[in-house]
Amino acid sequence: LDEALSRAVVDISSRPHAVVELGLKREALGTLACEMVPHVFESFAQTARMTIHVDCLRGFNDHHRAESAFKAFALALRQAVQRDGSDAVPSTKGVLEGAGGEASSTP
């Protein structure tokens, strides 16, 4: 992890999609081809039917960039599935209204 910083956002939406921007420059990390790192996130999104955004915001070592991306994703996924004690499903459906995404004033 060291100097690298990544951000991950997960939406368990039944709409599979992945946007992965890690900025990896090397051909491989050990025996792992760098092109496989985004592929892992893309495959996960398709199989789990969720939307995933993972971005590495800074870092110069590709190993650290990849490591921070996986850690950020793990934390985002844990938060997305964590129970909060209620039976409600966390959602903004019905909260956002109107063109332009204006927030509703009704509770």
PDB file of N, CA and C in Angstrom:
ATOM      1  N   LEU A   1       0.848  -1.189   0.000  1.00  0.00           N
ATOM      2  CA  LEU A   1       0.000   0.000   0.000  1.00  0.00           C
ATOM      3  C   LEU A   1       0.887   1.244   0.000  1.00  0.00           C
ATOM      4  N   ASP A   2       1.673   1.425   1.009  1.00  0.00           N
ATOM      5  CA  ASP A   2       2.649   2.516   1.112  1.00  0.00           C
ATOM      6  C   ASP A   2       2.165   3.840   0.524  1.00  0.00           C
ATOM      7  N   GLU A   3       2.728   4.268  -0.605  1.00  0.00           N
ATOM      8  CA  GLU A   3       2.428   5.594  -1.162  1.00  0.00           C
ATOM      9  C   GLU A   3       1.172   5.626  -2.017  1.00  0.00           C
ATOM     10  N   ALA A   4       0.567   4.487  -2.273  1.00  0.00           N
ATOM     11  CA  ALA A   4      -0.578   4.410  -3.184  1.00  0.00           C
ATOM     12  C   ALA A   4      -1.887   4.682  -2.440  1.00  0.00           C
ATOM     13  N   LEU A   5      -2.825   5.286  -3.165  1.00  0.00           N
ATOM     14  CA  LEU A   5      -4.149   5.582  -2.623  1.00  0.00           C
ATOM     15  C   LEU A   5      -5.186   5.277  -3.684  1.00  0.00           C
ATOM     16  N   SER A   6      -6.159   4.461  -3.334  1.00  0.00           N
ATOM     17  CA  SER A   6      -7.224   4.095  -4.272  1.00  0.00           C
ATOM     18  C   SER A   6      -8.582   4.366  -3.668  1.00  0.00           C
ATOM     19  N   ARG A   7      -9.561   4.510  -4.569  1.00  0.00           N
ATOM     20  CA  ARG A   7     -10.957   4.717  -4.176  1.00  0.00           C
ATOM     21  C   ARG A   7     -11.784   3.659  -4.891  1.00  0.00           C
ATOM     22  N   ALA A   8     -12.743   3.080  -4.174  1.00  0.00           N
ATOM     23  CA  ALA A   8     -13.646   2.101  -4.777  1.00  0.00           C
ATOM     24  C   ALA A   8     -15.073   2.397  -4.345  1.00  0.00           C
ATOM     25  N   VAL A   9     -15.997   2.252  -5.293  1.00  0.00           N
ATOM     26  CA  VAL A   9     -17.417   2.443  -5.031  1.00  0.00           C
ATOM     27  C   VAL A   9     -18.141   1.228  -5.576  1.00  0.00           C
ATOM     28  N   VAL A  10     -19.053   0.692  -4.783  1.00  0.00           N
ATOM     29  CA  VAL A  10     -19.786  -0.519  -5.142  1.00  0.00           C
ATOM     30  C   VAL A  10     -21.277  -0.232  -5.052  1.00  0.00           C
ATOM     31  N   ASP A  11     -22.022  -0.653  -6.070  1.00  0.00           N
ATOM     32  CA  ASP A  11     -23.481  -0.565  -6.050  1.00  0.00           C
ATOM     33  C   ASP A  11     -24.030  -1.939  -6.392  1.00  0.00           C
ATOM     34  N   ILE A  12     -24.666  -2.567  -5.424  1.00  0.00           N
ATOM     35  CA  ILE A  12     -25.262  -3.887  -5.644  1.00  0.00           C
ATOM     36  C   ILE A  12     -26.608  -3.638  -6.290  1.00  0.00           C
ATOM     37  N   SER A  13     -26.602  -3.596  -7.617  1.00  0.00           N
ATOM     38  CA  SER A  13     -27.718  -3.034  -8.361  1.00  0.00           C
ATOM     39  C   SER A  13     -28.367  -3.974  -9.364  1.00  0.00           C
ATOM     40  N   SER A  14     -27.790  -5.137  -9.585  1.00  0.00           N
ATOM     41  CA  SER A  14     -28.222  -6.056 -10.654  1.00  0.00           C
ATOM     42  C   SER A  14     -27.957  -5.472 -12.038  1.00  0.00           C
ATOM     43  N   ARG A  15     -27.128  -4.431 -12.097  1.00  0.00           N
ATOM     44  CA  ARG A  15     -26.710  -3.846 -13.376  1.00  0.00           C
ATOM     45  C   ARG A  15     -25.189  -3.944 -13.443  1.00  0.00           C
ATOM     46  N   PRO A  16     -24.673  -5.046 -13.989  1.00  0.00           N
ATOM     47  CA  PRO A  16     -23.226  -5.262 -13.978  1.00  0.00           C
ATOM     48  C   PRO A  16     -22.479  -4.271 -14.864  1.00  0.00           C
ATOM     49  N   HIS A  17     -21.499  -3.634 -14.262  1.00  0.00           N
ATOM     50  CA  HIS A  17     -20.654  -2.688 -15.000  1.00  0.00           C
ATOM     51  C   HIS A  17     -19.415  -2.432 -14.155  1.00  0.00           C
ATOM     52  N   ALA A  18     -18.286  -2.265 -14.795  1.00  0.00           N
ATOM     53  CA  ALA A  18     -17.054  -1.948 -14.068  1.00  0.00           C
ATOM     54  C   ALA A  18     -16.286  -0.867 -14.802  1.00  0.00           C
ATOM     55  N   VAL A  19     -15.812   0.098 -14.039  1.00  0.00           N
ATOM     56  CA  VAL A  19     -14.898   1.114 -14.534  1.00  0.00           C
ATOM     57  C   VAL A  19     -13.663   1.020 -13.648  1.00  0.00           C
ATOM     58  N   VAL A  20     -12.543   0.667 -14.246  1.00  0.00           N
ATOM     59  CA  VAL A  20     -11.311   0.445 -13.485  1.00  0.00           C
ATOM     60  C   VAL A  20     -10.197   1.265 -14.116  1.00  0.00           C
ATOM     61  N   GLU A  21      -9.675   2.217 -13.370  1.00  0.00           N
ATOM     62  CA  GLU A  21      -8.584   3.082 -13.832  1.00  0.00           C
ATOM     63  C   GLU A  21      -7.465   3.024 -12.807  1.00  0.00           C
ATOM     64  N   LEU A  22      -6.485   2.167 -13.062  1.00  0.00           N
ATOM     65  CA  LEU A  22      -5.406   1.981 -12.098  1.00  0.00           C
ATOM     66  C   LEU A  22      -4.087   2.604 -12.537  1.00  0.00           C
ATOM     67  N   GLY A  23      -3.944   2.889 -13.811  1.00  0.00           N
ATOM     68  CA  GLY A  23      -2.715   3.501 -14.293  1.00  0.00           C
ATOM     69  C   GLY A  23      -1.486   2.624 -14.167  1.00  0.00           C
ATOM     70  N   LEU A  24      -1.680   1.307 -14.289  1.00  0.00           N
ATOM     71  CA  LEU A  24      -0.537   0.392 -14.198  1.00  0.00           C
ATOM     72  C   LEU A  24       0.320   0.517 -15.452  1.00  0.00           C
ATOM     73  N   LYS A  25       1.631   0.599 -15.265  1.00  0.00           N
ATOM     74  CA  LYS A  25       2.537   0.813 -16.388  1.00  0.00           C
ATOM     75  C   LYS A  25       3.389  -0.400 -16.737  1.00  0.00           C
ATOM     76  N   ARG A  26       3.615  -1.270 -15.771  1.00  0.00           N
ATOM     77  CA  ARG A  26       4.460  -2.446 -15.998  1.00  0.00           C
ATOM     78  C   ARG A  26       3.705  -3.510 -16.781  1.00  0.00           C
ATOM     79  N   GLU A  27       4.432  -4.406 -17.353  1.00  0.00           N
ATOM     80  CA  GLU A  27       3.868  -5.542 -18.085  1.00  0.00           C
ATOM     81  C   GLU A  27       3.265  -6.570 -17.125  1.00  0.00           C
ATOM     82  N   ALA A  28       3.954  -6.776 -15.996  1.00  0.00           N
ATOM     83  CA  ALA A  28       3.517  -7.810 -15.051  1.00  0.00           C
ATOM     84  C   ALA A  28       3.936  -7.435 -13.638  1.00  0.00           C
ATOM     85  N   LEU A  29       3.213  -8.010 -12.687  1.00  0.00           N
ATOM     86  CA  LEU A  29       3.574  -7.938 -11.271  1.00  0.00           C
ATOM     87  C   LEU A  29       3.957  -9.349 -10.868  1.00  0.00           C
ATOM     88  N   GLY A  30       5.223  -9.633 -10.829  1.00  0.00           N
ATOM     89  CA  GLY A  30       5.670 -11.016 -10.643  1.00  0.00           C
ATOM     90  C   GLY A  30       5.251 -11.815 -11.862  1.00  0.00           C
ATOM     91  N   THR A  31       4.428 -12.836 -11.654  1.00  0.00           N
ATOM     92  CA  THR A  31       3.934 -13.643 -12.775  1.00  0.00           C
ATOM     93  C   THR A  31       2.521 -13.252 -13.200  1.00  0.00           C
ATOM     94  N   LEU A  32       1.960 -12.241 -12.567  1.00  0.00           N
ATOM     95  CA  LEU A  32       0.607 -11.780 -12.892  1.00  0.00           C
ATOM     96  C   LEU A  32       0.677 -10.658 -13.926  1.00  0.00           C
ATOM     97  N   ALA A  33       0.098 -10.897 -15.097  1.00  0.00           N
ATOM     98  CA  ALA A  33       0.037  -9.846 -16.119  1.00  0.00           C
ATOM     99  C   ALA A  33      -0.820  -8.697 -15.596  1.00  0.00           C
ATOM    100  N   CYS A  34      -0.339  -7.463 -15.727  1.00  0.00           N
ATOM    101  CA  CYS A  34      -1.068  -6.294 -15.217  1.00  0.00           C
ATOM    102  C   CYS A  34      -2.449  -6.162 -15.854  1.00  0.00           C
ATOM    103  N   GLU A  35      -2.613  -6.651 -17.075  1.00  0.00           N
ATOM    104  CA  GLU A  35      -3.935  -6.561 -17.715  1.00  0.00           C
ATOM    105  C   GLU A  35      -4.966  -7.429 -17.006  1.00  0.00           C
ATOM    106  N   MET A  36      -4.529  -8.370 -16.188  1.00  0.00           N
ATOM    107  CA  MET A  36      -5.451  -9.235 -15.466  1.00  0.00           C
ATOM    108  C   MET A  36      -6.060  -8.546 -14.238  1.00  0.00           C
ATOM    109  N   VAL A  37      -5.401  -7.523 -13.712  1.00  0.00           N
ATOM    110  CA  VAL A  37      -5.914  -6.853 -12.509  1.00  0.00           C
ATOM    111  C   VAL A  37      -7.269  -6.213 -12.790  1.00  0.00           C
ATOM    112  N   PRO A  38      -7.411  -5.361 -13.818  1.00  0.00           N
ATOM    113  CA  PRO A  38      -8.751  -4.829 -14.115  1.00  0.00           C
ATOM    114  C   PRO A  38      -9.732  -5.934 -14.509  1.00  0.00           C
ATOM    115  N   HIS A  39      -9.221  -6.977 -15.146  1.00  0.00           N
ATOM    116  CA  HIS A  39     -10.082  -8.087 -15.559  1.00  0.00           C
ATOM    117  C   HIS A  39     -10.744  -8.756 -14.347  1.00  0.00           C
ATOM    118  N   VAL A  40     -10.033  -8.841 -13.238  1.00  0.00           N
ATOM    119  CA  VAL A  40     -10.609  -9.419 -12.014  1.00  0.00           C
ATOM    120  C   VAL A  40     -11.833  -8.609 -11.577  1.00  0.00           C
ATOM    121  N   PHE A  41     -11.692  -7.282 -11.556  1.00  0.00           N
ATOM    122  CA  PHE A  41     -12.814  -6.422 -11.154  1.00  0.00           C
ATOM    123  C   PHE A  41     -13.968  -6.513 -12.149  1.00  0.00           C
ATOM    124  N   GLU A  42     -13.653  -6.526 -13.437  1.00  0.00           N
ATOM    125  CA  GLU A  42     -14.693  -6.629 -14.472  1.00  0.00           C
ATOM    126  C   GLU A  42     -15.442  -7.953 -14.365  1.00  0.00           C
ATOM    127  N   SER A  43     -14.716  -9.043 -14.160  1.00  0.00           N
ATOM    128  CA  SER A  43     -15.349 -10.362 -14.022  1.00  0.00           C
ATOM    129  C   SER A  43     -16.199 -10.430 -12.761  1.00  0.00           C
ATOM    130  N   PHE A  44     -15.703  -9.855 -11.676  1.00  0.00           N
ATOM    131  CA  PHE A  44     -16.456  -9.827 -10.424  1.00  0.00           C
ATOM    132  C   PHE A  44     -17.765  -9.078 -10.618  1.00  0.00           C
ATOM    133  N   ALA A  45     -17.699  -7.925 -11.269  1.00  0.00           N
ATOM    134  CA  ALA A  45     -18.901  -7.115 -11.497  1.00  0.00           C
ATOM    135  C   ALA A  45     -19.921  -7.888 -12.322  1.00  0.00           C
ATOM    136  N   GLN A  46     -19.485  -8.552 -13.367  1.00  0.00           N
ATOM    137  CA  GLN A  46     -20.399  -9.310 -14.220  1.00  0.00           C
ATOM    138  C   GLN A  46     -21.031 -10.473 -13.460  1.00  0.00           C
ATOM    139  N   THR A  47     -20.208 -11.218 -12.744  1.00  0.00           N
ATOM    140  CA  THR A  47     -20.696 -12.408 -12.036  1.00  0.00           C
ATOM    141  C   THR A  47     -21.603 -12.046 -10.865  1.00  0.00           C
ATOM    142  N   ALA A  48     -21.242 -11.005 -10.120  1.00  0.00           N
ATOM    143  CA  ALA A  48     -22.031 -10.592  -8.952  1.00  0.00           C
ATOM    144  C   ALA A  48     -23.168  -9.644  -9.326  1.00  0.00           C
ATOM    145  N   ARG A  49     -23.229  -9.223 -10.588  1.00  0.00           N
ATOM    146  CA  ARG A  49     -24.258  -8.311 -11.081  1.00  0.00           C
ATOM    147  C   ARG A  49     -24.287  -7.020 -10.260  1.00  0.00           C
ATOM    148  N   MET A  50     -23.117  -6.401 -10.173  1.00  0.00           N
ATOM    149  CA  MET A  50     -23.003  -5.144  -9.450  1.00  0.00           C
ATOM    150  C   MET A  50     -22.195  -4.142 -10.264  1.00  0.00           C
ATOM    151  N   THR A  51     -22.328  -2.884  -9.906  1.00  0.00           N
ATOM    152  CA  THR A  51     -21.541  -1.831 -10.527  1.00  0.00           C
ATOM    153  C   THR A  51     -20.355  -1.535  -9.626  1.00  0.00           C
ATOM    154  N   ILE A  52     -19.178  -1.468 -10.239  1.00  0.00           N
ATOM    155  CA  ILE A  52     -17.938  -1.246  -9.499  1.00  0.00           C
ATOM    156  C   ILE A  52     -17.146  -0.128 -10.188  1.00  0.00           C
ATOM    157  N   HIS A  53     -16.688   0.817  -9.399  1.00  0.00           N
ATOM    158  CA  HIS A  53     -15.738   1.829  -9.872  1.00  0.00           C
ATOM    159  C   HIS A  53     -14.512   1.728  -8.974  1.00  0.00           C
ATOM    160  N   VAL A  54     -13.352   1.545  -9.571  1.00  0.00           N
ATOM    161  CA  VAL A  54     -12.101   1.478  -8.814  1.00  0.00           C
ATOM    162  C   VAL A  54     -11.087   2.378  -9.506  1.00  0.00           C
ATOM    163  N   ASP A  55     -10.556   3.339  -8.765  1.00  0.00           N
ATOM    164  CA  ASP A  55      -9.568   4.274  -9.299  1.00  0.00           C
ATOM    165  C   ASP A  55      -8.375   4.334  -8.357  1.00  0.00           C
ATOM    166  N   CYS A  56      -7.184   4.273  -8.924  1.00  0.00           N
ATOM    167  CA  CYS A  56      -5.988   4.543  -8.140  1.00  0.00           C
ATOM    168  C   CYS A  56      -5.673   6.017  -8.317  1.00  0.00           C
ATOM    169  N   LEU A  57      -5.727   6.753  -7.235  1.00  0.00           N
ATOM    170  CA  LEU A  57      -5.581   8.203  -7.274  1.00  0.00           C
ATOM    171  C   LEU A  57      -4.124   8.656  -7.275  1.00  0.00           C
ATOM    172  N   ARG A  58      -3.260   7.875  -6.619  1.00  0.00           N
ATOM    173  CA  ARG A  58      -1.836   8.224  -6.607  1.00  0.00           C
ATOM    174  C   ARG A  58      -1.013   7.005  -6.237  1.00  0.00           C
ATOM    175  N   GLY A  59       0.244   7.104  -6.541  1.00  0.00           N
ATOM    176  CA  GLY A  59       1.199   6.038  -6.260  1.00  0.00           C
ATOM    177  C   GLY A  59       2.099   5.821  -7.457  1.00  0.00           C
ATOM    178  N   PHE A  60       3.332   5.432  -7.221  1.00  0.00           N
ATOM    179  CA  PHE A  60       4.256   5.246  -8.337  1.00  0.00           C
ATOM    180  C   PHE A  60       4.662   3.790  -8.516  1.00  0.00           C
ATOM    181  N   ASN A  61       4.468   2.952  -7.524  1.00  0.00           N
ATOM    182  CA  ASN A  61       4.819   1.541  -7.617  1.00  0.00           C
ATOM    183  C   ASN A  61       3.576   0.748  -8.031  1.00  0.00           C
ATOM    184  N   ASP A  62       3.643   0.056  -9.163  1.00  0.00           N
ATOM    185  CA  ASP A  62       2.472  -0.675  -9.668  1.00  0.00           C
ATOM    186  C   ASP A  62       1.974  -1.738  -8.701  1.00  0.00           C
ATOM    187  N   HIS A  63       2.879  -2.401  -8.001  1.00  0.00           N
ATOM    188  CA  HIS A  63       2.461  -3.397  -7.004  1.00  0.00           C
ATOM    189  C   HIS A  63       1.613  -2.720  -5.926  1.00  0.00           C
ATOM    190  N   HIS A  64       2.059  -1.576  -5.451  1.00  0.00           N
ATOM    191  CA  HIS A  64       1.313  -0.847  -4.418  1.00  0.00           C
ATOM    192  C   HIS A  64      -0.006  -0.309  -4.963  1.00  0.00           C
ATOM    193  N   ARG A  65      -0.009   0.133  -6.221  1.00  0.00           N
ATOM    194  CA  ARG A  65      -1.248   0.638  -6.841  1.00  0.00           C
ATOM    195  C   ARG A  65      -2.298  -0.480  -6.906  1.00  0.00           C
ATOM    196  N   ALA A  66      -1.886  -1.664  -7.354  1.00  0.00           N
ATOM    197  CA  ALA A  66      -2.816  -2.797  -7.438  1.00  0.00           C
ATOM    198  C   ALA A  66      -3.282  -3.218  -6.045  1.00  0.00           C
ATOM    199  N   GLU A  67      -2.351  -3.288  -5.108  1.00  0.00           N
ATOM    200  CA  GLU A  67      -2.690  -3.678  -3.739  1.00  0.00           C
ATOM    201  C   GLU A  67      -3.699  -2.706  -3.126  1.00  0.00           C
ATOM    202  N   SER A  68      -3.482  -1.416  -3.309  1.00  0.00           N
ATOM    203  CA  SER A  68      -4.404  -0.436  -2.725  1.00  0.00           C
ATOM    204  C   SER A  68      -5.780  -0.521  -3.385  1.00  0.00           C
ATOM    205  N   ALA A  69      -5.831  -0.852  -4.671  1.00  0.00           N
ATOM    206  CA  ALA A  69      -7.116  -1.004  -5.365  1.00  0.00           C
ATOM    207  C   ALA A  69      -7.905  -2.167  -4.783  1.00  0.00           C
ATOM    208  N   PHE A  70      -7.246  -3.305  -4.571  1.00  0.00           N
ATOM    209  CA  PHE A  70      -7.936  -4.462  -3.996  1.00  0.00           C
ATOM    210  C   PHE A  70      -8.393  -4.181  -2.562  1.00  0.00           C
ATOM    211  N   LYS A  71      -7.568  -3.492  -1.789  1.00  0.00           N
ATOM    212  CA  LYS A  71      -7.967  -3.162  -0.413  1.00  0.00           C
ATOM    213  C   LYS A  71      -9.154  -2.207  -0.394  1.00  0.00           C
ATOM    214  N   ALA A  72      -9.123  -1.191  -1.257  1.00  0.00           N
ATOM    215  CA  ALA A  72     -10.237  -0.244  -1.328  1.00  0.00           C
ATOM    216  C   ALA A  72     -11.521  -0.955  -1.741  1.00  0.00           C
ATOM    217  N   PHE A  73     -11.409  -1.869  -2.714  1.00  0.00           N
ATOM    218  CA  PHE A  73     -12.578  -2.622  -3.156  1.00  0.00           C
ATOM    219  C   PHE A  73     -13.120  -3.504  -2.035  1.00  0.00           C
ATOM    220  N   ALA A  74     -12.240  -4.174  -1.312  1.00  0.00           N
ATOM    221  CA  ALA A  74     -12.678  -5.046  -0.212  1.00  0.00           C
ATOM    222  C   ALA A  74     -13.426  -4.243   0.850  1.00  0.00           C
ATOM    223  N   LEU A  75     -12.917  -3.065   1.189  1.00  0.00           N
ATOM    224  CA  LEU A  75     -13.584  -2.227   2.189  1.00  0.00           C
ATOM    225  C   LEU A  75     -14.939  -1.727   1.685  1.00  0.00           C
ATOM    226  N   ALA A  76     -15.000  -1.329   0.414  1.00  0.00           N
ATOM    227  CA  ALA A  76     -16.271  -0.845  -0.156  1.00  0.00           C
ATOM    228  C   ALA A  76     -17.298  -1.976  -0.200  1.00  0.00           C
ATOM    229  N   LEU A  77     -16.861  -3.169  -0.567  1.00  0.00           N
ATOM    230  CA  LEU A  77     -17.772  -4.316  -0.625  1.00  0.00           C
ATOM    231  C   LEU A  77     -18.268  -4.673   0.774  1.00  0.00           C
ATOM    232  N   ARG A  78     -17.369  -4.668   1.743  1.00  0.00           N
ATOM    233  CA  ARG A  78     -17.782  -4.970   3.125  1.00  0.00           C
ATOM    234  C   ARG A  78     -18.823  -3.961   3.604  1.00  0.00           C
ATOM    235  N   GLN A  79     -18.604  -2.685   3.312  1.00  0.00           N
ATOM    236  CA  GLN A  79     -19.566  -1.660   3.723  1.00  0.00           C
ATOM    237  C   GLN A  79     -20.896  -1.834   3.001  1.00  0.00           C
ATOM    238  N   ALA A  80     -20.859  -2.224   1.736  1.00  0.00           N
ATOM    239  CA  ALA A  80     -22.089  -2.374   0.949  1.00  0.00           C
ATOM    240  C   ALA A  80     -22.971  -3.512   1.454  1.00  0.00           C
ATOM    241  N   VAL A  81     -22.377  -4.549   2.007  1.00  0.00           N
ATOM    242  CA  VAL A  81     -23.170  -5.710   2.444  1.00  0.00           C
ATOM    243  C   VAL A  81     -23.381  -5.748   3.954  1.00  0.00           C
ATOM    244  N   GLN A  82     -22.779  -4.814   4.675  1.00  0.00           N
ATOM    245  CA  GLN A  82     -22.892  -4.796   6.127  1.00  0.00           C
ATOM    246  C   GLN A  82     -24.308  -4.479   6.569  1.00  0.00           C
ATOM    247  N   ARG A  83     -24.825  -5.273   7.488  1.00  0.00           N
ATOM    248  CA  ARG A  83     -26.169  -5.047   8.035  1.00  0.00           C
ATOM    249  C   ARG A  83     -26.113  -3.887   9.020  1.00  0.00           C
ATOM    250  N   ASP A  84     -27.172  -3.075   9.010  1.00  0.00           N
ATOM    251  CA  ASP A  84     -27.214  -1.925   9.903  1.00  0.00           C
ATOM    252  C   ASP A  84     -28.255  -2.077  11.011  1.00  0.00           C
ATOM    253  N   GLY A  85     -28.815  -3.274  11.150  1.00  0.00           N
ATOM    254  CA  GLY A  85     -29.786  -3.516  12.213  1.00  0.00           C
ATOM    255  C   GLY A  85     -31.231  -3.352  11.785  1.00  0.00           C
ATOM    256  N   SER A  86     -31.466  -2.777  10.608  1.00  0.00           N
ATOM    257  CA  SER A  86     -32.838  -2.642  10.128  1.00  0.00           C
ATOM    258  C   SER A  86     -33.081  -3.658   9.009  1.00  0.00           C
ATOM    259  N   ASP A  87     -34.332  -3.821   8.652  1.00  0.00           N
ATOM    260  CA  ASP A  87     -34.677  -4.720   7.556  1.00  0.00           C
ATOM    261  C   ASP A  87     -34.726  -3.988   6.223  1.00  0.00           C
ATOM    262  N   ALA A  88     -34.532  -2.677   6.248  1.00  0.00           N
ATOM    263  CA  ALA A  88     -34.605  -1.876   5.030  1.00  0.00           C
ATOM    264  C   ALA A  88     -33.377  -2.093   4.153  1.00  0.00           C
ATOM    265  N   VAL A  89     -33.586  -2.003   2.865  1.00  0.00           N
ATOM    266  CA  VAL A  89     -32.487  -2.078   1.908  1.00  0.00           C
ATOM    267  C   VAL A  89     -32.027  -0.655   1.629  1.00  0.00           C
ATOM    268  N   PRO A  90     -30.736  -0.351   1.866  1.00  0.00           N
ATOM    269  CA  PRO A  90     -30.261   1.006   1.596  1.00  0.00           C
ATOM    270  C   PRO A  90     -30.450   1.348   0.119  1.00  0.00           C
ATOM    271  N   SER A  91     -31.174   2.410  -0.156  1.00  0.00           N
ATOM    272  CA  SER A  91     -31.476   2.775  -1.532  1.00  0.00           C
ATOM    273  C   SER A  91     -31.857   4.242  -1.613  1.00  0.00           C
ATOM    274  N   THR A  92     -31.599   4.849  -2.765  1.00  0.00           N
ATOM    275  CA  THR A  92     -32.059   6.213  -3.007  1.00  0.00           C
ATOM    276  C   THR A  92     -33.298   6.225  -3.886  1.00  0.00           C
ATOM    277  N   LYS A  93     -33.827   5.055  -4.247  1.00  0.00           N
ATOM    278  CA  LYS A  93     -35.034   4.989  -5.075  1.00  0.00           C
ATOM    279  C   LYS A  93     -36.161   5.722  -4.362  1.00  0.00           C
ATOM    280  N   GLY A  94     -36.820   6.612  -5.096  1.00  0.00           N
ATOM    281  CA  GLY A  94     -37.914   7.376  -4.532  1.00  0.00           C
ATOM    282  C   GLY A  94     -37.470   8.616  -3.791  1.00  0.00           C
ATOM    283  N   VAL A  95     -36.170   8.781  -3.576  1.00  0.00           N
ATOM    284  CA  VAL A  95     -35.665   9.941  -2.859  1.00  0.00           C
ATOM    285  C   VAL A  95     -35.296  11.045  -3.836  1.00  0.00           C
ATOM    286  N   LEU A  96     -34.735  10.674  -4.970  1.00  0.00           N
ATOM    287  CA  LEU A  96     -34.336  11.658  -5.971  1.00  0.00           C
ATOM    288  C   LEU A  96     -35.459  11.812  -6.982  1.00  0.00           C
ATOM    289  N   GLU A  97     -35.821  13.053  -7.284  1.00  0.00           N
ATOM    290  CA  GLU A  97     -36.916  13.307  -8.209  1.00  0.00           C
ATOM    291  C   GLU A  97     -36.521  14.369  -9.220  1.00  0.00           C
ATOM    292  N   GLY A  98     -37.314  14.448 -10.296  1.00  0.00           N
ATOM    293  CA  GLY A  98     -37.203  15.537 -11.252  1.00  0.00           C
ATOM    294  C   GLY A  98     -35.987  15.442 -12.149  1.00  0.00           C
ATOM    295  N   ALA A  99     -36.067  16.146 -13.229  1.00  0.00           N
ATOM    296  CA  ALA A  99     -34.936  16.230 -14.139  1.00  0.00           C
ATOM    297  C   ALA A  99     -33.820  16.993 -13.465  1.00  0.00           C
ATOM    298  N   GLY A 100     -32.630  16.561 -13.701  1.00  0.00           N
ATOM    299  CA  GLY A 100     -31.486  17.239 -13.093  1.00  0.00           C
ATOM    300  C   GLY A 100     -31.144  16.696 -11.712  1.00  0.00           C
ATOM    301  N   GLY A 101     -31.873  15.676 -11.247  1.00  0.00           N
ATOM    302  CA  GLY A 101     -31.539  15.024  -9.993  1.00  0.00           C
ATOM    303  C   GLY A 101     -31.782  15.846  -8.746  1.00  0.00           C
ATOM    304  N   GLU A 102     -32.801  16.711  -8.772  1.00  0.00           N
ATOM    305  CA  GLU A 102     -33.110  17.516  -7.596  1.00  0.00           C
ATOM    306  C   GLU A 102     -33.635  16.619  -6.487  1.00  0.00           C
ATOM    307  N   ALA A 103     -33.185  16.864  -5.298  1.00  0.00           N
ATOM    308  CA  ALA A 103     -33.599  16.050  -4.160  1.00  0.00           C
ATOM    309  C   ALA A 103     -35.040  16.350  -3.791  1.00  0.00           C
ATOM    310  N   SER A 104     -35.735  15.331  -3.355  1.00  0.00           N
ATOM    311  CA  SER A 104     -37.130  15.482  -2.944  1.00  0.00           C
ATOM    312  C   SER A 104     -37.206  16.199  -1.610  1.00  0.00           C
ATOM    313  N   SER A 105     -38.228  17.008  -1.442  1.00  0.00           N
ATOM    314  CA  SER A 105     -38.418  17.686  -0.162  1.00  0.00           C
ATOM    315  C   SER A 105     -39.380  16.913   0.732  1.00  0.00           C
ATOM    316  N   THR A 106     -39.946  15.827   0.221  1.00  0.00           N
ATOM    317  CA  THR A 106     -40.861  15.032   1.035  1.00  0.00           C
ATOM    318  C   THR A 106     -40.085  13.938   1.739  1.00  0.00           C
ATOM    319  N   PRO A 107     -40.479  13.625   2.986  1.00  0.00           N
ATOM    320  CA  PRO A 107     -39.754  12.596   3.742  1.00  0.00           C
ATOM    321  C   PRO A 107     -39.956  11.216   3.178  1.00  0.00           C
TER     322      PRO A 107
END
